[in-house]
Amino acid sequence: MRLSLTVVEGALAALDGHPPEVTPAACVATRYAASACRRCLDACPVGAITPGGWLEVDSERCVSCGACAAACRTGALAFPERGAALRHRTSSLLPGETVVVACAEAETDYADLVLACLGALSAADIVHIACAGAGAAQLISGACESCPRREAVAALPEVLEEALAAVSLLGRDLRVGRSAGPSGGSRGPTSSGMSRRGFFARLSREGARAVVSAPGAGRRSIDRIHAKVAPPQRHETLLDDVSGSHRAVPDLPLPSALPLAEVVVDASCDGCGLCVLYCPHGALTLSSGVARAEPRSCTACGLCAEVCPPSAVRLAPARPSLYRTPAA
C-alpha cells in the first residue's frame, strides 16, 4: 500500500530515536535551584533526566517517548520536528475530517501522524487539532503493557479530559477515540536480531551522545542560566488557536493543563526585579517600579511567583479574551 507523504514524514519524525533538544536556560529548575517544578521528572518513564542543577538528558536511558516535552511548559525539552509534523498535517485539513495519530509500535499504515509514543501528545496539541477544523481524533496505541515507554501514557486520560474541556470553552467540537492497533516486530529483525526501528534509533542515539559529550557542551555560567529564550513553537500555535476563538464564546477560565495564565501583581510589589530576572521568556518588565507582564510571552511556568520575596506575584487562570486583539 502506498503511504502518503504526510505519513512518511510523521514516521520519520517518530523513528529518529534521538533525545529531546535541551535548552537549560528555559528550564525552571535550572534557573532557580529551589523551584518545586518536577514536570519532566514525573513524566519521564525511565529516569533519563537529571534532577536539579543543569538540565541534562541521559541519552543512554532516553527512549524518545516525548512525554517530557509534552509536560514542559517552557520548551526546555523539545522534539520540534514532531510539532512541525502535526502542524503540517493540520494545515491541509478538510472541515470535520478525522485525524489519526498512532504510536510507532502500532505498525499501522492508516495514520496521519506517527509518534514514538502517544505520551508525546499535550493538551495544546489536542486543542490545535480541534481549532484546525478536525471533527474527530483517533489515537491508536501499540502494546503498551509490554513497552518500555508504557508509563509515558499514564497521564494521557487526564490530558485528554482537560484538552476537551478547553476545546468546548473555545466553541469547538472534537470527538476523541482511542484504540489499540497491531504491534510487535512484524517488520522483521536485522541480522543482529534487532528490529530495523531499533537499529536506526540506536544509530541516532550514538550520534546524539557524541554531540552531548562534545567539549564545552555542558558549559555553565550565570549569564547562560538567566538568558531569555523564546516560548516554544507549540505555545505560539496555542496562542493563535485561543486568540482565534469566536468572540461570542463565554469568556471563562481555561483549564490549567494549557500553558497559559494571567500574571497578577498586587500592591505589595516592591520592584526588586527578581521576577524579571528569573522569567525565562522575558514576559515581565519593571514599569514605574512595579512588575508588569506580557500575557503572550508567559507559559505559566510559575517561576515568577516562586521567586517573589513578598509573594506579590501570582498566576490566575487565563481567559480567551486575554489574547484577543481588541476590536477596532
Protein backbone atom coordinates (compact mmCIF):
# COMPACT_ATOMS: atom_id res chain seq x y z
CA MET A 1 0.00 0.00 0.00
CA ARG A 2 1.35 3.42 -0.95
CA LEU A 3 1.87 5.70 2.04
CA SER A 4 1.14 9.41 1.82
CA LEU A 5 3.98 11.89 2.18
CA THR A 6 2.42 13.09 5.45
CA VAL A 7 2.55 9.59 6.92
CA VAL A 8 6.16 9.12 5.83
CA GLU A 9 7.19 12.48 7.35
CA GLY A 10 5.42 11.62 10.59
CA ALA A 11 7.00 8.18 10.72
CA LEU A 12 10.49 9.56 10.20
CA ALA A 13 9.90 12.07 12.99
CA ALA A 14 8.88 9.26 15.31
CA LEU A 15 11.62 6.81 14.41
CA ASP A 16 14.64 9.09 14.66
CA GLY A 17 15.28 7.86 18.21
CA HIS A 18 17.19 10.91 19.42
CA PRO A 19 16.85 12.52 22.87
CA PRO A 20 14.94 15.80 23.13
CA GLU A 21 16.56 19.11 22.28
CA VAL A 22 17.66 20.61 25.60
CA THR A 23 17.65 24.34 26.40
CA PRO A 24 18.82 24.67 30.03
CA ALA A 25 18.12 28.42 30.15
CA ALA A 26 14.43 27.63 29.62
CA CYS A 27 14.36 25.14 32.50
CA VAL A 28 12.64 26.47 35.62
CA ALA A 29 14.71 24.26 37.95
CA THR A 30 17.98 25.29 36.26
CA ARG A 31 17.17 28.98 36.55
CA TYR A 32 16.09 28.60 40.19
CA ALA A 33 17.51 25.61 42.07
CA ALA A 34 14.84 25.78 44.80
CA SER A 35 11.96 25.52 42.31
CA ALA A 36 9.34 22.89 43.01
CA CYS A 37 8.89 22.14 39.30
CA ARG A 38 9.19 18.41 38.54
CA ARG A 39 7.06 18.19 35.42
CA CYS A 40 9.63 16.50 33.22
CA LEU A 41 10.94 14.25 36.01
CA ASP A 42 7.45 12.99 36.78
CA ALA A 43 6.69 12.44 33.09
CA CYS A 44 9.88 10.55 32.12
CA PRO A 45 9.21 6.79 32.31
CA VAL A 46 12.89 5.77 32.54
CA GLY A 47 14.53 8.39 34.80
CA ALA A 48 16.66 9.82 32.00
CA ILE A 49 16.51 13.44 33.22
CA THR A 50 18.97 14.84 35.75
CA PRO A 51 17.04 16.26 38.73
CA GLY A 52 18.08 19.75 39.76
CA GLY A 53 21.12 21.74 38.67
CA TRP A 54 21.92 21.98 34.97
CA LEU A 55 19.23 20.31 32.86
CA GLU A 56 20.60 17.22 31.12
CA VAL A 57 19.19 14.10 29.48
CA ASP A 58 20.93 10.72 29.64
CA SER A 59 20.87 9.60 26.00
CA GLU A 60 21.64 6.01 27.05
CA ARG A 61 18.42 5.80 29.05
CA CYS A 62 16.18 8.07 26.94
CA VAL A 63 13.57 6.15 24.93
CA SER A 64 12.49 9.22 22.91
CA CYS A 65 8.88 8.94 24.05
CA GLY A 66 8.34 12.72 24.11
CA ALA A 67 6.46 12.78 27.42
CA CYS A 68 8.96 15.22 28.93
CA ALA A 69 8.46 17.70 26.09
CA ALA A 70 4.68 17.39 26.39
CA ALA A 71 4.90 18.17 30.12
CA CYS A 72 7.45 21.01 29.86
CA ARG A 73 5.77 24.40 29.50
CA THR A 74 8.80 26.49 28.66
CA GLY A 75 10.34 24.42 25.86
CA ALA A 76 13.41 23.40 27.85
CA LEU A 77 12.89 19.92 26.41
CA ALA A 78 11.52 19.66 22.90
CA PHE A 79 11.10 17.47 19.82
CA PRO A 80 10.37 20.29 17.35
CA GLU A 81 10.15 18.02 14.32
CA ARG A 82 7.15 16.24 15.85
CA GLY A 83 5.31 19.51 16.36
CA ALA A 84 6.17 20.51 12.80
CA ALA A 85 4.73 17.22 11.51
CA LEU A 86 1.47 17.88 13.38
CA ARG A 87 1.18 21.44 12.04
CA HIS A 88 1.94 20.20 8.53
CA ARG A 89 -0.95 17.73 8.75
CA THR A 90 -3.45 20.20 10.20
CA SER A 91 -2.57 22.82 7.58
CA SER A 92 -4.46 20.78 4.95
CA LEU A 93 -7.42 19.55 7.00
CA LEU A 94 -10.89 19.42 5.50
CA PRO A 95 -13.70 20.63 7.79
CA GLY A 96 -14.85 17.81 10.06
CA GLU A 97 -12.07 15.44 8.98
CA THR A 98 -10.71 12.77 11.31
CA VAL A 99 -7.03 12.97 12.28
CA VAL A 100 -5.45 9.61 13.06
CA VAL A 101 -2.44 9.70 15.40
CA ALA A 102 -0.63 6.41 16.01
CA CYS A 103 2.10 5.13 18.28
CA ALA A 104 5.05 3.86 16.23
CA GLU A 105 4.63 0.42 17.78
CA ALA A 106 1.09 0.10 16.42
CA GLU A 107 2.52 -0.78 12.97
CA THR A 108 -0.43 0.77 11.14
CA ASP A 109 -0.40 2.28 7.65
CA TYR A 110 -3.53 4.35 8.23
CA ALA A 111 -2.15 7.13 10.43
CA ASP A 112 -1.86 10.78 9.52
CA LEU A 113 0.82 11.23 12.14
CA VAL A 114 3.10 8.64 13.76
CA LEU A 115 4.69 9.41 17.14
CA ALA A 116 7.18 7.39 19.13
CA CYS A 117 4.56 7.30 21.89
CA LEU A 118 1.11 8.79 22.45
CA GLY A 119 2.54 10.23 25.66
CA ALA A 120 4.08 12.91 23.42
CA LEU A 121 0.65 14.48 22.93
CA SER A 122 -0.07 17.53 25.06
CA ALA A 123 -3.38 19.24 25.78
CA ALA A 124 -2.24 22.04 23.45
CA ASP A 125 -1.83 19.52 20.61
CA ILE A 126 -5.39 18.27 21.02
CA VAL A 127 -6.71 21.84 21.12
CA HIS A 128 -4.79 22.60 17.93
CA ILE A 129 -6.31 19.63 16.11
CA ALA A 130 -9.78 20.89 17.06
CA CYS A 131 -9.08 24.53 16.19
CA ALA A 132 -7.66 23.48 12.82
CA GLY A 133 -11.12 22.19 11.91
CA ALA A 134 -10.97 18.46 12.64
CA GLY A 135 -14.18 16.79 13.73
CA ALA A 136 -12.51 13.82 15.39
CA ALA A 137 -9.15 12.49 16.52
CA GLN A 138 -8.45 8.76 16.61
CA LEU A 139 -5.49 7.69 18.76
CA ILE A 140 -4.00 4.26 18.06
CA SER A 141 -1.61 2.73 20.56
CA GLY A 142 0.57 -0.36 20.44
CA ALA A 143 1.05 -2.99 23.12
CA CYS A 144 1.55 -0.52 25.98
CA GLU A 145 1.74 -3.18 28.71
CA SER A 146 4.98 -4.60 27.26
CA CYS A 147 6.50 -1.31 26.11
CA PRO A 148 9.39 0.40 27.97
CA ARG A 149 7.55 3.68 27.37
CA ARG A 150 4.29 2.46 28.94
CA GLU A 151 4.42 4.87 31.90
CA ALA A 152 4.67 7.78 29.48
CA VAL A 153 0.98 7.41 28.58
CA ALA A 154 -0.24 7.25 32.19
CA ALA A 155 -1.24 10.92 32.13
CA LEU A 156 -2.96 10.75 28.72
CA PRO A 157 -6.56 10.27 30.01
CA GLU A 158 -6.26 13.39 32.20
CA VAL A 159 -4.61 15.33 29.37
CA LEU A 160 -7.47 14.43 27.04
CA GLU A 161 -10.09 15.41 29.62
CA GLU A 162 -8.52 18.82 30.17
CA ALA A 163 -7.96 19.35 26.46
CA LEU A 164 -11.58 18.58 25.58
CA ALA A 165 -12.75 20.96 28.29
CA ALA A 166 -10.67 23.68 26.63
CA VAL A 167 -11.98 22.72 23.19
CA SER A 168 -15.54 23.14 24.45
CA LEU A 169 -14.78 26.51 26.05
CA LEU A 170 -13.35 27.72 22.75
CA GLY A 171 -16.58 26.86 20.98
CA ARG A 172 -15.19 23.87 19.10
CA ASP A 173 -16.30 20.26 18.89
CA LEU A 174 -13.94 17.29 18.80
CA ARG A 175 -14.59 13.60 19.32
CA VAL A 176 -11.61 11.61 20.54
CA GLY A 177 -11.35 7.83 20.34
CA ARG A 178 -8.53 5.59 21.47
CA SER A 179 -7.85 2.05 20.29
CA ALA A 180 -5.06 -0.50 20.09
CA GLY A 181 -3.54 -1.43 16.77
CA PRO A 182 -1.44 -4.46 15.77
CA SER A 183 2.02 -4.31 17.28
CA GLY A 184 5.17 -6.34 17.58
CA GLY A 185 8.26 -6.75 15.46
CA SER A 186 6.36 -7.54 12.27
CA ARG A 187 8.71 -5.52 10.08
CA GLY A 188 11.50 -8.03 10.57
CA PRO A 189 14.79 -8.13 12.50
CA THR A 190 18.21 -7.12 11.27
CA SER A 191 20.99 -9.70 11.12
CA SER A 192 21.86 -8.88 14.74
CA GLY A 193 18.34 -9.70 15.95
CA MET A 194 17.42 -6.02 16.47
CA SER A 195 14.43 -4.60 14.61
CA ARG A 196 15.12 -2.06 11.90
CA ARG A 197 13.39 0.57 14.03
CA GLY A 198 15.67 -0.22 16.97
CA PHE A 199 18.76 -0.34 14.75
CA PHE A 200 18.28 3.15 13.31
CA ALA A 201 17.19 4.53 16.68
CA ARG A 202 20.41 3.23 18.18
CA LEU A 203 22.50 4.87 15.45
CA SER A 204 20.73 8.16 16.06
CA ARG A 205 21.31 7.94 19.83
CA GLU A 206 25.01 7.27 19.25
CA GLY A 207 25.22 10.47 17.17
CA ALA A 208 23.33 12.46 19.76
CA ARG A 209 25.56 11.13 22.52
CA ALA A 210 28.65 12.33 20.64
CA VAL A 211 27.16 15.82 20.43
CA VAL A 212 26.17 15.89 24.10
CA SER A 213 29.64 14.79 25.22
CA ALA A 214 31.48 17.25 22.97
CA PRO A 215 33.89 19.66 24.76
CA GLY A 216 32.07 22.67 26.16
CA ALA A 217 28.59 21.21 25.53
CA GLY A 218 27.66 21.49 29.21
CA ARG A 219 29.48 24.74 29.99
CA ARG A 220 27.57 26.77 32.60
CA SER A 221 27.54 30.40 33.55
CA ILE A 222 25.21 32.83 35.30
CA ASP A 223 24.67 34.65 32.02
CA ARG A 224 23.62 31.44 30.29
CA ILE A 225 21.33 30.42 33.14
CA HIS A 226 19.48 33.74 33.10
CA ALA A 227 19.40 34.16 29.32
CA LYS A 228 15.97 34.87 27.84
CA VAL A 229 14.57 32.36 25.36
CA ALA A 230 11.52 32.47 23.11
CA PRO A 231 8.48 30.40 24.09
CA PRO A 232 8.28 27.09 22.21
CA GLN A 233 6.53 26.90 18.84
CA ARG A 234 3.77 24.81 20.43
CA HIS A 235 2.97 27.82 22.63
CA GLU A 236 2.81 30.18 19.67
CA THR A 237 0.43 27.79 17.91
CA LEU A 238 -1.74 27.60 21.03
CA LEU A 239 -1.95 31.40 21.25
CA ASP A 240 -3.16 31.54 17.66
CA ASP A 241 -5.77 28.88 18.41
CA VAL A 242 -7.05 30.65 21.52
CA SER A 243 -6.97 34.16 20.07
CA GLY A 244 -8.83 32.94 17.00
CA SER A 245 -11.73 31.55 19.01
CA HIS A 246 -15.13 33.17 18.41
CA ARG A 247 -15.77 36.34 20.41
CA ALA A 248 -19.27 35.14 21.27
CA VAL A 249 -17.82 32.25 23.31
CA PRO A 250 -18.26 32.85 27.08
CA ASP A 251 -15.04 34.27 28.49
CA LEU A 252 -14.46 31.51 31.05
CA PRO A 253 -11.16 30.38 32.65
CA LEU A 254 -9.20 27.92 30.52
CA PRO A 255 -8.10 24.59 32.06
CA SER A 256 -4.78 24.68 33.89
CA ALA A 257 -3.40 21.91 31.63
CA LEU A 258 -2.81 24.57 28.97
CA PRO A 259 0.43 26.56 29.46
CA LEU A 260 -1.45 29.84 29.75
CA ALA A 261 -2.03 32.10 32.75
CA GLU A 262 -2.65 35.68 33.75
CA VAL A 263 0.18 37.08 35.88
CA VAL A 264 -1.32 39.18 38.65
CA VAL A 265 0.88 41.62 40.60
CA ASP A 266 -0.61 43.13 43.76
CA ALA A 267 0.22 46.32 45.66
CA SER A 268 2.89 44.65 47.81
CA CYS A 269 5.32 44.55 44.84
CA ASP A 270 8.49 46.37 45.90
CA GLY A 271 10.06 46.48 42.43
CA CYS A 272 13.02 44.26 43.34
CA GLY A 273 13.12 42.84 39.81
CA LEU A 274 13.70 39.18 40.72
CA CYS A 275 10.68 38.07 38.69
CA VAL A 276 12.07 39.98 35.71
CA LEU A 277 15.47 38.30 36.10
CA TYR A 278 14.19 34.76 36.51
CA CYS A 279 11.40 34.72 33.89
CA PRO A 280 12.73 32.51 31.08
CA HIS A 281 10.88 34.35 28.31
CA GLY A 282 11.22 37.99 29.33
CA ALA A 283 7.47 38.17 29.91
CA LEU A 284 7.94 40.52 32.90
CA THR A 285 9.32 44.05 32.96
CA LEU A 286 9.52 46.84 35.52
CA SER A 287 7.40 49.91 34.87
CA SER A 288 7.45 52.78 37.38
CA GLY A 289 8.90 50.40 39.94
CA VAL A 290 6.18 47.75 39.53
CA ALA A 291 6.35 44.44 37.68
CA ARG A 292 4.20 44.17 34.55
CA ALA A 293 3.56 41.09 32.45
CA GLU A 294 3.07 40.48 28.74
CA PRO A 295 0.48 37.65 28.56
CA ARG A 296 1.51 36.30 25.16
CA SER A 297 5.06 35.63 26.35
CA CYS A 298 4.00 33.80 29.52
CA THR A 299 4.00 29.99 29.52
CA ALA A 300 2.54 29.70 33.04
CA CYS A 301 5.68 28.10 34.49
CA GLY A 302 5.06 29.89 37.80
CA LEU A 303 8.69 30.80 38.43
CA CYS A 304 7.88 34.49 38.95
CA ALA A 305 5.60 33.58 41.85
CA GLU A 306 8.19 31.22 43.34
CA VAL A 307 10.98 33.82 43.47
CA CYS A 308 8.94 36.86 44.60
CA PRO A 309 10.04 37.75 48.19
CA PRO A 310 6.81 39.50 49.25
CA SER A 311 4.61 37.00 47.34
CA ALA A 312 3.22 39.87 45.31
CA VAL A 313 3.03 37.79 42.12
CA ARG A 314 0.55 35.00 41.47
CA LEU A 315 -0.86 33.18 38.49
CA ALA A 316 -4.58 33.33 37.74
CA PRO A 317 -6.44 31.16 35.20
CA ALA A 318 -6.23 32.61 31.70
CA ARG A 319 -9.32 33.59 29.74
CA PRO A 320 -9.56 33.73 25.92
CA SER A 321 -10.07 37.50 25.96
CA LEU A 322 -6.58 37.94 27.39
CA TYR A 323 -5.10 37.02 24.00
CA ARG A 324 -7.59 38.54 21.56
CA THR A 325 -6.80 41.70 19.68
CA PRO A 326 -9.26 44.44 20.73
CA ALA A 327 -11.98 45.09 18.15
CA ALA A 328 -11.45 48.20 16.05
